[in-house]
Amino acid sequence: MRTLLELTDQEITDLLYDQIRPDIVRSILMAYCDENGYIDENVFAEAFAQFFEDQIEEEPDSDMWAEAYNNNYDWGYSIIYELKEYLDDE
C-alpha cells in the first residue's frame, strides 16, 4: 500500500477538487509524517490551521479569530481524511 508521501500532486489536486495547492499539503506531510508515511489526522489538522494563522483577519484572541482557526482546523481534518480514504480504497 502506498503512503501519503507517495501521492502525486495531481492526485492531491483531484482529490481535493483544486481547493488547496498540493505544495501546502505536501509541506505539512513532509514535516509531520513518520518514517512509515503516517500522520495522525489531528496533527495534520493542527498544522494546517497553523499554516493559515497569519491570514486570519480578525483580532487575535477574539471569538471570530477562534472560529476562523477552528474552521481551518476542520478543513485540514477533512483534507487528511479524504487523502487517507483514497489510499485505503486502493
Protein backbone atom coordinates (compact mmCIF):
# COMPACT_ATOMS: atom_id res chain seq x y z
CA MET A 1 0.00 0.00 0.00
CA ARG A 2 1.25 3.48 -0.87
CA THR A 3 1.74 6.14 1.76
CA LEU A 4 0.57 9.74 1.87
CA LEU A 5 4.06 10.83 0.86
CA GLU A 6 3.71 8.87 -2.38
CA LEU A 7 0.61 10.70 -3.60
CA THR A 8 1.27 12.79 -6.68
CA ASP A 9 0.44 16.47 -6.87
CA GLN A 10 -2.18 15.61 -9.47
CA GLU A 11 -3.83 13.08 -7.16
CA ILE A 12 -3.90 15.62 -4.33
CA THR A 13 -5.37 18.25 -6.65
CA ASP A 14 -8.01 15.88 -8.00
CA LEU A 15 -8.97 14.51 -4.59
CA LEU A 16 -9.37 17.96 -3.10
CA TYR A 17 -11.18 19.39 -6.14
CA ASP A 18 -8.45 22.00 -6.60
CA GLN A 19 -9.41 23.66 -3.28
CA ILE A 20 -5.87 23.89 -1.94
CA ARG A 21 -2.45 23.91 -3.53
CA PRO A 22 -0.79 20.50 -3.34
CA ASP A 23 2.51 22.04 -2.23
CA ILE A 24 0.86 23.21 1.01
CA VAL A 25 -0.47 19.73 1.72
CA ARG A 26 2.86 18.17 0.79
CA SER A 27 4.86 20.54 3.01
CA ILE A 28 2.76 19.52 6.03
CA LEU A 29 3.06 15.84 5.15
CA MET A 30 6.83 16.12 4.74
CA ALA A 31 7.18 17.88 8.09
CA TYR A 32 4.92 15.63 10.17
CA CYS A 33 4.67 12.14 8.63
CA ASP A 34 6.59 9.46 10.45
CA GLU A 35 9.08 7.11 8.74
CA ASN A 36 6.18 4.93 7.58
CA GLY A 37 4.38 7.84 5.91
CA TYR A 38 1.74 8.04 8.66
CA ILE A 39 0.32 11.21 10.19
CA ASP A 40 -2.46 11.48 12.75
CA GLU A 41 -5.49 13.39 11.49
CA ASN A 42 -5.38 15.80 14.43
CA VAL A 43 -1.69 16.54 13.90
CA PHE A 44 -2.31 17.36 10.24
CA ALA A 45 -5.37 19.47 11.07
CA GLU A 46 -3.45 21.46 13.68
CA ALA A 47 -0.51 22.04 11.34
CA PHE A 48 -2.90 23.06 8.57
CA ALA A 49 -4.68 25.57 10.82
CA GLN A 50 -1.34 26.97 11.98
CA PHE A 51 -0.21 27.37 8.36
CA PHE A 52 -3.08 29.80 7.75
CA GLU A 53 -2.95 31.53 11.14
CA ASP A 54 -1.34 34.70 9.73
CA GLN A 55 -4.12 35.06 7.19
CA ILE A 56 -6.89 35.35 9.77
CA GLU A 57 -8.01 38.95 9.61
CA GLU A 58 -9.73 39.01 12.97
CA GLU A 59 -8.41 40.35 16.24
CA PRO A 60 -6.26 37.68 17.94
CA ASP A 61 -7.91 36.13 21.00
CA SER A 62 -11.36 37.12 19.73
CA ASP A 63 -14.22 34.71 19.21
CA MET A 64 -14.15 35.45 15.47
CA TRP A 65 -10.43 34.60 15.30
CA ALA A 66 -11.04 31.33 17.16
CA GLU A 67 -13.90 30.49 14.81
CA ALA A 68 -11.71 31.11 11.75
CA TYR A 69 -8.91 29.00 13.25
CA ASN A 70 -11.35 26.19 14.06
CA ASN A 71 -12.74 26.34 10.51
CA ASN A 72 -9.22 25.93 9.14
CA TYR A 73 -8.62 23.04 11.55
CA ASP A 74 -11.80 21.34 10.36
CA TRP A 75 -10.80 21.93 6.75
CA GLY A 76 -7.40 20.37 7.42
CA TYR A 77 -9.04 17.40 9.11
CA SER A 78 -11.32 16.83 6.13
CA ILE A 79 -8.34 17.03 3.76
CA ILE A 80 -6.31 14.38 5.53
CA TYR A 81 -9.39 12.22 5.93
CA GLU A 82 -10.04 12.34 2.16
CA LEU A 83 -6.42 11.51 1.34
CA LYS A 84 -6.35 8.56 3.73
CA GLU A 85 -9.68 7.24 2.45
CA TYR A 86 -8.34 7.36 -1.09
CA LEU A 87 -5.30 5.29 -0.12
CA ASP A 88 -7.43 2.85 1.87
CA ASP A 89 -9.63 2.28 -1.18
CA GLU A 90 -6.71 1.47 -3.49
